[in-house]
């Protein structure tokens, strides 16, 4: 019998072949990898171990050994290295494998995505997390960095309420800012950035211009440019998702905050994440919300809630005085 020219490969065999294709070889480095914990357009994230320090880490490896992917990942690692903040995932190391792929070693984030854990949280807890999120983004903006893809899936919440903004692969920073910051930080001619470093950062800036519209649908600002107000738009969309439905009358100020943050015209939005967070904080504290035009009734209710303790004491005092006068 003539053998069939077609030989079927089992699903298990295909899975093994894909694993071998994806599985990078870390021989000669201080790291080893255990399992895939995430995938993205630029690469694969592994749970790994730093043998030198005996700690678990996350290792992001580019999918292909291309110059553009390598430039992107190195730029992401440099960006994170400049953003030392408890709400931003820390990067520990960057390197290149024998096959040409670039890898970045980061803090292993333990927890759940915001969109997964938010339904089990109270509104107060959600707004506290939102405040921390805005604080981390405002910190990045103050250092000239725009995240570019803020979504609930890119916000991790730890078991103890800690919050981390992750996935800075689309973060943008102009080439002029990079060169100026490098020239400012180095003190002698021998320490100036190399031509290759500046060229790499220039290439990333070019790629960033082409990717300005690559944010996630529903959280991506409508305008081109991708400045800090684009992140404000995304934060407003995240706040919208965090609010329960249906809304109570007391939540109308928060709806106004969402509308201002996600305004189609960037000039009508909050100028930055800090101002957005401040308005939400006003709502939590019972103060007037800048984005919301209160009616007289709403103002009276808000003041009554804000000062319910002293008002209650005054009313109790007046009631007691009335009783004493009645019995005299």
C-alpha atoms as a PDB file:
ATOM      1  CA  UNK A   1       0.000   0.000   0.000  1.00  0.00           C
ATOM      2  CA  UNK A   2       1.342   3.377  -0.958  1.00  0.00           C
ATOM      3  CA  UNK A   3       1.736   5.573   2.138  1.00  0.00           C
ATOM      4  CA  UNK A   4      -0.468   8.653   2.255  1.00  0.00           C
ATOM      5  CA  UNK A   5       1.381  11.881   1.354  1.00  0.00           C
ATOM      6  CA  UNK A   6      -0.507  13.652   4.132  1.00  0.00           C
ATOM      7  CA  UNK A   7       0.517  13.133   7.750  1.00  0.00           C
ATOM      8  CA  UNK A   8      -1.607  14.741  10.408  1.00  0.00           C
ATOM      9  CA  UNK A   9       0.103  16.417  13.344  1.00  0.00           C
ATOM     10  CA  UNK A  10      -1.724  16.160  16.626  1.00  0.00           C
ATOM     11  CA  UNK A  11      -2.833  19.255  18.547  1.00  0.00           C
ATOM     12  CA  UNK A  12      -0.464  18.272  21.354  1.00  0.00           C
ATOM     13  CA  UNK A  13       2.461  18.140  18.918  1.00  0.00           C
ATOM     14  CA  UNK A  14       1.550  21.553  17.492  1.00  0.00           C
ATOM     15  CA  UNK A  15       1.388  22.958  21.015  1.00  0.00           C
ATOM     16  CA  UNK A  16       4.850  21.552  21.771  1.00  0.00           C
ATOM     17  CA  UNK A  17       6.261  23.016  18.545  1.00  0.00           C
ATOM     18  CA  UNK A  18       4.831  26.432  19.351  1.00  0.00           C
ATOM     19  CA  UNK A  19       6.257  26.203  22.840  1.00  0.00           C
ATOM     20  CA  UNK A  20       9.702  25.410  21.454  1.00  0.00           C
ATOM     21  CA  UNK A  21       9.417  28.346  19.037  1.00  0.00           C
ATOM     22  CA  UNK A  22       8.411  30.749  21.805  1.00  0.00           C
ATOM     23  CA  UNK A  23      10.626  29.373  24.563  1.00  0.00           C
ATOM     24  CA  UNK A  24      13.779  31.516  24.702  1.00  0.00           C
ATOM     25  CA  UNK A  25      17.146  30.105  25.699  1.00  0.00           C
ATOM     26  CA  UNK A  26      18.534  31.928  28.740  1.00  0.00           C
ATOM     27  CA  UNK A  27      21.729  29.893  28.878  1.00  0.00           C
ATOM     28  CA  UNK A  28      24.608  32.094  29.949  1.00  0.00           C
ATOM     29  CA  UNK A  29      22.391  34.529  31.856  1.00  0.00           C
ATOM     30  CA  UNK A  30      21.478  34.687  35.532  1.00  0.00           C
ATOM     31  CA  UNK A  31      17.821  34.028  34.714  1.00  0.00           C
ATOM     32  CA  UNK A  32      15.614  31.015  34.130  1.00  0.00           C
ATOM     33  CA  UNK A  33      11.992  30.943  32.998  1.00  0.00           C
ATOM     34  CA  UNK A  34       9.127  28.822  34.296  1.00  0.00           C
ATOM     35  CA  UNK A  35       5.896  29.615  32.431  1.00  0.00           C
ATOM     36  CA  UNK A  36       4.164  32.070  30.123  1.00  0.00           C
ATOM     37  CA  UNK A  37       2.020  34.551  32.062  1.00  0.00           C
ATOM     38  CA  UNK A  38       1.133  37.013  29.309  1.00  0.00           C
ATOM     39  CA  UNK A  39       1.310  37.814  25.599  1.00  0.00           C
ATOM     40  CA  UNK A  40       1.181  41.078  23.707  1.00  0.00           C
ATOM     41  CA  UNK A  41       1.810  42.513  20.288  1.00  0.00           C
ATOM     42  CA  UNK A  42       5.481  43.088  21.052  1.00  0.00           C
ATOM     43  CA  UNK A  43       6.421  39.983  22.996  1.00  0.00           C
ATOM     44  CA  UNK A  44       5.807  37.321  25.602  1.00  0.00           C
ATOM     45  CA  UNK A  45       5.989  37.696  29.382  1.00  0.00           C
ATOM     46  CA  UNK A  46       7.344  34.799  31.428  1.00  0.00           C
ATOM     47  CA  UNK A  47       7.402  34.064  35.112  1.00  0.00           C
ATOM     48  CA  UNK A  48      11.074  33.526  35.864  1.00  0.00           C
ATOM     49  CA  UNK A  49      13.734  33.503  38.546  1.00  0.00           C
ATOM     50  CA  UNK A  50      16.813  35.603  39.133  1.00  0.00           C
ATOM     51  CA  UNK A  51      19.264  32.968  40.363  1.00  0.00           C
ATOM     52  CA  UNK A  52      21.770  35.528  41.633  1.00  0.00           C
ATOM     53  CA  UNK A  53      19.250  37.122  44.014  1.00  0.00           C
ATOM     54  CA  UNK A  54      16.980  34.081  44.408  1.00  0.00           C
ATOM     55  CA  UNK A  55      13.766  35.952  43.618  1.00  0.00           C
ATOM     56  CA  UNK A  56      10.888  35.539  41.216  1.00  0.00           C
ATOM     57  CA  UNK A  57      10.690  38.068  38.384  1.00  0.00           C
ATOM     58  CA  UNK A  58       8.710  38.775  35.237  1.00  0.00           C
ATOM     59  CA  UNK A  59      10.760  38.555  32.035  1.00  0.00           C
ATOM     60  CA  UNK A  60       9.435  40.178  28.869  1.00  0.00           C
ATOM     61  CA  UNK A  61      11.010  38.869  25.653  1.00  0.00           C
ATOM     62  CA  UNK A  62      10.456  40.238  22.144  1.00  0.00           C
ATOM     63  CA  UNK A  63       8.647  37.816  19.838  1.00  0.00           C
ATOM     64  CA  UNK A  64      11.132  38.344  17.002  1.00  0.00           C
ATOM     65  CA  UNK A  65      14.737  39.443  16.786  1.00  0.00           C
ATOM     66  CA  UNK A  66      13.916  42.605  14.792  1.00  0.00           C
ATOM     67  CA  UNK A  67      15.549  45.974  15.289  1.00  0.00           C
ATOM     68  CA  UNK A  68      12.174  47.684  15.801  1.00  0.00           C
ATOM     69  CA  UNK A  69      10.987  45.247  18.480  1.00  0.00           C
ATOM     70  CA  UNK A  70      14.338  45.484  20.233  1.00  0.00           C
ATOM     71  CA  UNK A  71      14.213  49.290  20.138  1.00  0.00           C
ATOM     72  CA  UNK A  72      10.684  49.295  21.558  1.00  0.00           C
ATOM     73  CA  UNK A  73      11.491  46.985  24.444  1.00  0.00           C
ATOM     74  CA  UNK A  74      14.717  48.788  25.327  1.00  0.00           C
ATOM     75  CA  UNK A  75      12.830  52.099  25.249  1.00  0.00           C
ATOM     76  CA  UNK A  76      10.104  50.672  27.509  1.00  0.00           C
ATOM     77  CA  UNK A  77      12.763  49.453  29.962  1.00  0.00           C
ATOM     78  CA  UNK A  78      14.521  52.836  29.971  1.00  0.00           C
ATOM     79  CA  UNK A  79      11.191  54.602  30.482  1.00  0.00           C
ATOM     80  CA  UNK A  80      10.316  52.416  33.468  1.00  0.00           C
ATOM     81  CA  UNK A  81      13.802  52.830  34.902  1.00  0.00           C
ATOM     82  CA  UNK A  82      13.188  56.594  35.002  1.00  0.00           C
ATOM     83  CA  UNK A  83       9.791  56.188  36.664  1.00  0.00           C
ATOM     84  CA  UNK A  84      10.629  55.039  40.181  1.00  0.00           C
ATOM     85  CA  UNK A  85       7.208  55.114  41.823  1.00  0.00           C
ATOM     86  CA  UNK A  86       5.375  52.563  44.007  1.00  0.00           C
ATOM     87  CA  UNK A  87       2.468  52.620  41.556  1.00  0.00           C
ATOM     88  CA  UNK A  88       4.581  51.831  38.472  1.00  0.00           C
ATOM     89  CA  UNK A  89       6.052  48.399  37.792  1.00  0.00           C
ATOM     90  CA  UNK A  90       9.837  48.425  38.373  1.00  0.00           C
ATOM     91  CA  UNK A  91      12.391  47.235  35.810  1.00  0.00           C
ATOM     92  CA  UNK A  92      15.536  45.492  37.075  1.00  0.00           C
ATOM     93  CA  UNK A  93      17.564  44.619  33.994  1.00  0.00           C
ATOM     94  CA  UNK A  94      17.635  44.519  30.189  1.00  0.00           C
ATOM     95  CA  UNK A  95      19.696  42.284  27.915  1.00  0.00           C
ATOM     96  CA  UNK A  96      19.919  40.334  24.676  1.00  0.00           C
ATOM     97  CA  UNK A  97      19.750  36.587  24.057  1.00  0.00           C
ATOM     98  CA  UNK A  98      21.973  34.581  21.740  1.00  0.00           C
ATOM     99  CA  UNK A  99      19.214  34.470  19.079  1.00  0.00           C
ATOM    100  CA  UNK A 100      19.082  38.284  18.990  1.00  0.00           C
ATOM    101  CA  UNK A 101      15.871  38.745  20.947  1.00  0.00           C
ATOM    102  CA  UNK A 102      15.906  41.426  23.635  1.00  0.00           C
ATOM    103  CA  UNK A 103      14.518  40.842  27.125  1.00  0.00           C
ATOM    104  CA  UNK A 104      13.623  43.052  30.073  1.00  0.00           C
ATOM    105  CA  UNK A 105      13.455  41.825  33.661  1.00  0.00           C
ATOM    106  CA  UNK A 106      10.747  43.423  35.794  1.00  0.00           C
ATOM    107  CA  UNK A 107       9.090  43.079  39.144  1.00  0.00           C
ATOM    108  CA  UNK A 108       6.689  40.145  39.182  1.00  0.00           C
ATOM    109  CA  UNK A 109       3.250  41.624  39.768  1.00  0.00           C
ATOM    110  CA  UNK A 110       1.058  39.503  42.032  1.00  0.00           C
ATOM    111  CA  UNK A 111      -2.622  40.282  42.046  1.00  0.00           C
ATOM    112  CA  UNK A 112      -5.661  40.642  39.827  1.00  0.00           C
ATOM    113  CA  UNK A 113      -6.557  42.991  37.017  1.00  0.00           C
ATOM    114  CA  UNK A 114      -8.748  45.909  37.975  1.00  0.00           C
ATOM    115  CA  UNK A 115     -11.562  44.801  35.677  1.00  0.00           C
ATOM    116  CA  UNK A 116     -11.589  41.395  37.379  1.00  0.00           C
ATOM    117  CA  UNK A 117     -11.597  42.543  40.999  1.00  0.00           C
ATOM    118  CA  UNK A 118     -13.631  45.792  40.788  1.00  0.00           C
ATOM    119  CA  UNK A 119     -17.093  44.144  40.942  1.00  0.00           C
ATOM    120  CA  UNK A 120     -16.321  42.810  44.435  1.00  0.00           C
ATOM    121  CA  UNK A 121     -15.199  46.224  45.752  1.00  0.00           C
ATOM    122  CA  UNK A 122     -17.261  49.000  47.293  1.00  0.00           C
ATOM    123  CA  UNK A 123     -17.487  52.326  45.492  1.00  0.00           C
ATOM    124  CA  UNK A 124     -15.264  53.881  48.169  1.00  0.00           C
ATOM    125  CA  UNK A 125     -12.569  51.244  47.569  1.00  0.00           C
ATOM    126  CA  UNK A 126     -12.799  51.705  43.802  1.00  0.00           C
ATOM    127  CA  UNK A 127     -12.372  55.464  44.125  1.00  0.00           C
ATOM    128  CA  UNK A 128      -9.363  54.994  46.427  1.00  0.00           C
ATOM    129  CA  UNK A 129      -7.744  52.769  43.791  1.00  0.00           C
ATOM    130  CA  UNK A 130      -8.591  55.314  41.108  1.00  0.00           C
ATOM    131  CA  UNK A 131      -6.860  58.011  43.149  1.00  0.00           C
ATOM    132  CA  UNK A 132      -3.663  55.909  43.343  1.00  0.00           C
ATOM    133  CA  UNK A 133      -3.877  55.217  39.634  1.00  0.00           C
ATOM    134  CA  UNK A 134      -4.085  58.931  38.843  1.00  0.00           C
ATOM    135  CA  UNK A 135      -1.167  59.613  41.189  1.00  0.00           C
ATOM    136  CA  UNK A 136       1.070  57.164  39.293  1.00  0.00           C
ATOM    137  CA  UNK A 137       0.043  58.570  35.902  1.00  0.00           C
ATOM    138  CA  UNK A 138       0.556  62.156  37.108  1.00  0.00           C
ATOM    139  CA  UNK A 139       4.055  61.162  38.273  1.00  0.00           C
ATOM    140  CA  UNK A 140       4.832  59.858  34.771  1.00  0.00           C
ATOM    141  CA  UNK A 141       3.425  62.999  33.130  1.00  0.00           C
ATOM    142  CA  UNK A 142       5.607  65.184  35.345  1.00  0.00           C
ATOM    143  CA  UNK A 143       8.596  63.365  33.855  1.00  0.00           C
ATOM    144  CA  UNK A 144       7.446  63.770  30.271  1.00  0.00           C
ATOM    145  CA  UNK A 145       6.079  60.238  29.818  1.00  0.00           C
ATOM    146  CA  UNK A 146       2.617  59.385  28.457  1.00  0.00           C
ATOM    147  CA  UNK A 147       1.369  55.814  28.979  1.00  0.00           C
ATOM    148  CA  UNK A 148      -0.699  55.675  25.793  1.00  0.00           C
ATOM    149  CA  UNK A 149      -2.783  52.568  26.579  1.00  0.00           C
ATOM    150  CA  UNK A 150      -4.436  52.914  29.985  1.00  0.00           C
ATOM    151  CA  UNK A 151      -7.209  50.342  30.457  1.00  0.00           C
ATOM    152  CA  UNK A 152      -8.572  48.336  33.426  1.00  0.00           C
ATOM    153  CA  UNK A 153      -6.589  45.377  32.080  1.00  0.00           C
ATOM    154  CA  UNK A 154      -3.350  47.355  32.543  1.00  0.00           C
ATOM    155  CA  UNK A 155      -4.045  48.114  36.200  1.00  0.00           C
ATOM    156  CA  UNK A 156      -3.051  45.406  38.694  1.00  0.00           C
ATOM    157  CA  UNK A 157      -4.408  45.293  42.236  1.00  0.00           C
ATOM    158  CA  UNK A 158      -2.492  43.355  44.878  1.00  0.00           C
ATOM    159  CA  UNK A 159      -3.850  41.294  47.745  1.00  0.00           C
ATOM    160  CA  UNK A 160      -3.208  44.147  50.205  1.00  0.00           C
ATOM    161  CA  UNK A 161      -4.773  46.918  48.131  1.00  0.00           C
ATOM    162  CA  UNK A 162      -1.552  47.992  46.414  1.00  0.00           C
ATOM    163  CA  UNK A 163      -1.933  49.158  42.813  1.00  0.00           C
ATOM    164  CA  UNK A 164       0.441  49.034  39.850  1.00  0.00           C
ATOM    165  CA  UNK A 165       0.129  50.562  36.383  1.00  0.00           C
ATOM    166  CA  UNK A 166       1.671  48.054  33.948  1.00  0.00           C
ATOM    167  CA  UNK A 167       2.268  47.542  30.205  1.00  0.00           C
ATOM    168  CA  UNK A 168       4.163  50.679  29.196  1.00  0.00           C
ATOM    169  CA  UNK A 169       4.942  49.296  25.728  1.00  0.00           C
ATOM    170  CA  UNK A 170       3.196  52.226  24.001  1.00  0.00           C
ATOM    171  CA  UNK A 171       4.605  54.888  26.334  1.00  0.00           C
ATOM    172  CA  UNK A 172       5.889  57.891  24.409  1.00  0.00           C
ATOM    173  CA  UNK A 173       8.597  60.446  24.994  1.00  0.00           C
ATOM    174  CA  UNK A 174       9.951  62.862  22.390  1.00  0.00           C
ATOM    175  CA  UNK A 175      13.483  62.409  21.120  1.00  0.00           C
ATOM    176  CA  UNK A 176      14.377  65.985  22.075  1.00  0.00           C
ATOM    177  CA  UNK A 177      13.336  65.282  25.666  1.00  0.00           C
ATOM    178  CA  UNK A 178      15.508  62.174  25.681  1.00  0.00           C
ATOM    179  CA  UNK A 179      18.612  63.931  24.355  1.00  0.00           C
ATOM    180  CA  UNK A 180      18.172  66.955  26.627  1.00  0.00           C
ATOM    181  CA  UNK A 181      17.645  64.781  29.710  1.00  0.00           C
ATOM    182  CA  UNK A 182      20.718  62.724  28.864  1.00  0.00           C
ATOM    183  CA  UNK A 183      22.878  65.796  28.309  1.00  0.00           C
ATOM    184  CA  UNK A 184      21.621  67.226  31.600  1.00  0.00           C
ATOM    185  CA  UNK A 185      22.356  64.025  33.559  1.00  0.00           C
ATOM    186  CA  UNK A 186      25.884  63.426  32.243  1.00  0.00           C
ATOM    187  CA  UNK A 187      28.720  65.660  33.415  1.00  0.00           C
ATOM    188  CA  UNK A 188      31.787  64.851  31.273  1.00  0.00           C
ATOM    189  CA  UNK A 189      32.248  64.357  27.502  1.00  0.00           C
ATOM    190  CA  UNK A 190      33.089  60.673  28.048  1.00  0.00           C
ATOM    191  CA  UNK A 191      29.675  60.157  29.647  1.00  0.00           C
ATOM    192  CA  UNK A 192      27.593  61.627  26.817  1.00  0.00           C
ATOM    193  CA  UNK A 193      25.037  59.261  25.219  1.00  0.00           C
ATOM    194  CA  UNK A 194      26.381  57.315  22.274  1.00  0.00           C
ATOM    195  CA  UNK A 195      25.240  57.849  18.698  1.00  0.00           C
ATOM    196  CA  UNK A 196      23.631  54.394  18.734  1.00  0.00           C
ATOM    197  CA  UNK A 197      21.619  55.236  21.874  1.00  0.00           C
ATOM    198  CA  UNK A 198      20.297  58.453  20.370  1.00  0.00           C
ATOM    199  CA  UNK A 199      19.579  56.759  17.015  1.00  0.00           C
ATOM    200  CA  UNK A 200      17.691  53.973  18.800  1.00  0.00           C
ATOM    201  CA  UNK A 201      15.607  56.481  20.725  1.00  0.00           C
ATOM    202  CA  UNK A 202      14.955  58.405  17.492  1.00  0.00           C
ATOM    203  CA  UNK A 203      13.690  55.228  15.839  1.00  0.00           C
ATOM    204  CA  UNK A 204      11.363  54.603  18.758  1.00  0.00           C
ATOM    205  CA  UNK A 205      10.022  58.149  18.438  1.00  0.00           C
ATOM    206  CA  UNK A 206       9.324  57.506  14.728  1.00  0.00           C
ATOM    207  CA  UNK A 207       7.555  54.254  15.548  1.00  0.00           C
ATOM    208  CA  UNK A 208       5.550  56.035  18.242  1.00  0.00           C
ATOM    209  CA  UNK A 209       4.211  58.549  15.696  1.00  0.00           C
ATOM    210  CA  UNK A 210       2.918  55.643  13.608  1.00  0.00           C
ATOM    211  CA  UNK A 211       1.325  54.021  16.655  1.00  0.00           C
ATOM    212  CA  UNK A 212      -0.457  57.020  18.182  1.00  0.00           C
ATOM    213  CA  UNK A 213      -3.835  55.473  17.353  1.00  0.00           C
ATOM    214  CA  UNK A 214      -3.026  52.021  18.697  1.00  0.00           C
ATOM    215  CA  UNK A 215      -4.590  52.451  22.106  1.00  0.00           C
ATOM    216  CA  UNK A 216      -7.453  50.194  23.162  1.00  0.00           C
ATOM    217  CA  UNK A 217     -10.869  50.897  21.682  1.00  0.00           C
ATOM    218  CA  UNK A 218     -13.155  52.539  24.233  1.00  0.00           C
ATOM    219  CA  UNK A 219     -10.218  54.086  26.115  1.00  0.00           C
ATOM    220  CA  UNK A 220      -8.409  55.729  23.184  1.00  0.00           C
ATOM    221  CA  UNK A 221      -8.790  59.481  22.851  1.00  0.00           C
ATOM    222  CA  UNK A 222     -10.258  60.593  19.488  1.00  0.00           C
ATOM    223  CA  UNK A 223      -7.556  63.138  18.701  1.00  0.00           C
ATOM    224  CA  UNK A 224      -4.091  62.448  17.260  1.00  0.00           C
ATOM    225  CA  UNK A 225      -1.026  63.420  19.250  1.00  0.00           C
ATOM    226  CA  UNK A 226      -1.359  61.240  22.324  1.00  0.00           C
ATOM    227  CA  UNK A 227      -0.325  63.825  24.943  1.00  0.00           C
ATOM    228  CA  UNK A 228      -1.148  63.794  28.675  1.00  0.00           C
ATOM    229  CA  UNK A 229      -4.789  64.662  27.961  1.00  0.00           C
ATOM    230  CA  UNK A 230      -5.098  61.408  26.016  1.00  0.00           C
ATOM    231  CA  UNK A 231      -4.214  59.594  29.242  1.00  0.00           C
ATOM    232  CA  UNK A 232      -6.810  61.774  31.024  1.00  0.00           C
ATOM    233  CA  UNK A 233      -9.389  60.542  28.500  1.00  0.00           C
ATOM    234  CA  UNK A 234      -8.467  56.917  29.255  1.00  0.00           C
ATOM    235  CA  UNK A 235      -8.634  57.547  33.008  1.00  0.00           C
ATOM    236  CA  UNK A 236     -12.101  59.064  32.565  1.00  0.00           C
ATOM    237  CA  UNK A 237     -13.214  55.962  30.676  1.00  0.00           C
ATOM    238  CA  UNK A 238     -11.829  53.752  33.463  1.00  0.00           C
ATOM    239  CA  UNK A 239     -13.699  55.825  36.066  1.00  0.00           C
ATOM    240  CA  UNK A 240     -16.880  55.370  34.015  1.00  0.00           C
ATOM    241  CA  UNK A 241     -16.405  51.591  34.212  1.00  0.00           C
ATOM    242  CA  UNK A 242     -15.825  51.737  37.973  1.00  0.00           C
ATOM    243  CA  UNK A 243     -19.132  53.463  38.695  1.00  0.00           C
ATOM    244  CA  UNK A 244     -22.056  51.180  39.544  1.00  0.00           C
ATOM    245  CA  UNK A 245     -25.164  51.077  37.402  1.00  0.00           C
ATOM    246  CA  UNK A 246     -27.769  52.406  37.780  1.00  0.00           C
ATOM    247  CA  UNK A 247     -26.426  55.613  39.272  1.00  0.00           C
ATOM    248  CA  UNK A 248     -27.920  57.225  42.339  1.00  0.00           C
ATOM    249  CA  UNK A 249     -28.584  60.966  42.410  1.00  0.00           C
ATOM    250  CA  UNK A 250     -25.591  61.394  44.697  1.00  0.00           C
ATOM    251  CA  UNK A 251     -23.328  60.084  41.924  1.00  0.00           C
ATOM    252  CA  UNK A 252     -24.269  62.782  39.426  1.00  0.00           C
ATOM    253  CA  UNK A 253     -21.078  64.758  40.190  1.00  0.00           C
ATOM    254  CA  UNK A 254     -19.025  61.689  39.242  1.00  0.00           C
ATOM    255  CA  UNK A 255     -20.905  61.439  35.927  1.00  0.00           C
ATOM    256  CA  UNK A 256     -19.945  65.066  35.334  1.00  0.00           C
ATOM    257  CA  UNK A 257     -16.304  64.207  36.100  1.00  0.00           C
ATOM    258  CA  UNK A 258     -16.438  61.386  33.530  1.00  0.00           C
ATOM    259  CA  UNK A 259     -17.975  63.671  30.899  1.00  0.00           C
ATOM    260  CA  UNK A 260     -15.282  66.312  31.399  1.00  0.00           C
ATOM    261  CA  UNK A 261     -12.428  63.781  31.377  1.00  0.00           C
ATOM    262  CA  UNK A 262     -13.715  62.106  28.180  1.00  0.00           C
ATOM    263  CA  UNK A 263     -14.698  65.276  26.315  1.00  0.00           C
ATOM    264  CA  UNK A 264     -14.078  64.987  22.562  1.00  0.00           C
ATOM    265  CA  UNK A 265     -12.257  68.328  22.619  1.00  0.00           C
ATOM    266  CA  UNK A 266      -8.960  67.882  24.553  1.00  0.00           C
ATOM    267  CA  UNK A 267      -9.133  71.512  25.649  1.00  0.00           C
ATOM    268  CA  UNK A 268     -12.327  70.814  27.604  1.00  0.00           C
ATOM    269  CA  UNK A 269     -10.774  67.965  29.582  1.00  0.00           C
ATOM    270  CA  UNK A 270      -8.850  68.199  32.833  1.00  0.00           C
ATOM    271  CA  UNK A 271      -5.335  69.443  32.081  1.00  0.00           C
ATOM    272  CA  UNK A 272      -3.787  66.444  33.823  1.00  0.00           C
ATOM    273  CA  UNK A 273      -4.321  63.337  35.918  1.00  0.00           C
ATOM    274  CA  UNK A 274      -3.688  65.259  39.155  1.00  0.00           C
ATOM    275  CA  UNK A 275      -6.570  67.666  38.500  1.00  0.00           C
ATOM    276  CA  UNK A 276      -8.877  64.767  37.631  1.00  0.00           C
ATOM    277  CA  UNK A 277      -7.962  62.978  40.855  1.00  0.00           C
ATOM    278  CA  UNK A 278      -8.498  66.168  42.859  1.00  0.00           C
ATOM    279  CA  UNK A 279     -12.067  66.533  41.592  1.00  0.00           C
ATOM    280  CA  UNK A 280     -12.851  62.893  42.496  1.00  0.00           C
ATOM    281  CA  UNK A 281     -11.306  63.514  45.908  1.00  0.00           C
ATOM    282  CA  UNK A 282     -13.623  66.498  46.363  1.00  0.00           C
ATOM    283  CA  UNK A 283     -16.580  64.187  45.803  1.00  0.00           C
ATOM    284  CA  UNK A 284     -15.262  61.706  48.374  1.00  0.00           C
ATOM    285  CA  UNK A 285     -14.686  64.514  50.904  1.00  0.00           C
ATOM    286  CA  UNK A 286     -18.125  66.036  50.346  1.00  0.00           C
ATOM    287  CA  UNK A 287     -16.745  69.195  48.746  1.00  0.00           C
ATOM    288  CA  UNK A 288     -17.975  70.870  45.558  1.00  0.00           C
ATOM    289  CA  UNK A 289     -16.895  69.112  42.347  1.00  0.00           C
ATOM    290  CA  UNK A 290     -15.518  71.555  39.770  1.00  0.00           C
ATOM    291  CA  UNK A 291     -16.922  69.621  36.800  1.00  0.00           C
ATOM    292  CA  UNK A 292     -20.469  69.579  38.188  1.00  0.00           C
ATOM    293  CA  UNK A 293     -22.868  72.536  38.303  1.00  0.00           C
ATOM    294  CA  UNK A 294     -24.895  72.027  41.449  1.00  0.00           C
ATOM    295  CA  UNK A 295     -28.526  72.960  41.862  1.00  0.00           C
ATOM    296  CA  UNK A 296     -29.581  74.659  45.094  1.00  0.00           C
ATOM    297  CA  UNK A 297     -31.130  71.391  46.299  1.00  0.00           C
ATOM    298  CA  UNK A 298     -27.968  69.403  45.515  1.00  0.00           C
ATOM    299  CA  UNK A 299     -25.825  71.940  47.339  1.00  0.00           C
ATOM    300  CA  UNK A 300     -28.096  71.759  50.382  1.00  0.00           C
ATOM    301  CA  UNK A 301     -27.977  67.949  50.426  1.00  0.00           C
ATOM    302  CA  UNK A 302     -24.187  67.931  50.011  1.00  0.00           C
ATOM    303  CA  UNK A 303     -23.659  70.411  52.821  1.00  0.00           C
ATOM    304  CA  UNK A 304     -26.057  68.496  55.040  1.00  0.00           C
ATOM    305  CA  UNK A 305     -24.048  65.310  54.459  1.00  0.00           C
ATOM    306  CA  UNK A 306     -20.703  67.027  54.889  1.00  0.00           C
ATOM    307  CA  UNK A 307     -21.716  68.673  58.167  1.00  0.00           C
ATOM    308  CA  UNK A 308     -24.169  66.075  59.438  1.00  0.00           C
ATOM    309  CA  UNK A 309     -22.362  65.680  62.773  1.00  0.00           C
ATOM    310  CA  UNK A 310     -22.386  69.359  63.827  1.00  0.00           C
ATOM    311  CA  UNK A 311     -25.887  69.784  62.360  1.00  0.00           C
ATOM    312  CA  UNK A 312     -27.042  66.768  64.358  1.00  0.00           C
ATOM    313  CA  UNK A 313     -25.555  68.201  67.546  1.00  0.00           C
ATOM    314  CA  UNK A 314     -27.229  71.571  66.962  1.00  0.00           C
ATOM    315  CA  UNK A 315     -30.582  69.907  66.289  1.00  0.00           C
ATOM    316  CA  UNK A 316     -30.234  67.755  69.400  1.00  0.00           C
ATOM    317  CA  UNK A 317     -29.416  70.858  71.445  1.00  0.00           C
ATOM    318  CA  UNK A 318     -32.431  72.712  70.059  1.00  0.00           C
ATOM    319  CA  UNK A 319     -34.665  69.708  70.763  1.00  0.00           C
ATOM    320  CA  UNK A 320     -33.462  69.528  74.359  1.00  0.00           C
ATOM    321  CA  UNK A 321     -33.985  73.283  74.823  1.00  0.00           C
ATOM    322  CA  UNK A 322     -37.496  72.947  73.424  1.00  0.00           C
ATOM    323  CA  UNK A 323     -38.308  70.124  75.852  1.00  0.00           C
ATOM    324  CA  UNK A 324     -36.961  72.106  78.808  1.00  0.00           C
ATOM    325  CA  UNK A 325     -38.998  75.123  77.832  1.00  0.00           C
ATOM    326  CA  UNK A 326     -42.097  72.967  77.416  1.00  0.00           C
ATOM    327  CA  UNK A 327     -41.794  71.424  80.905  1.00  0.00           C
ATOM    328  CA  UNK A 328     -41.057  74.682  82.660  1.00  0.00           C
END
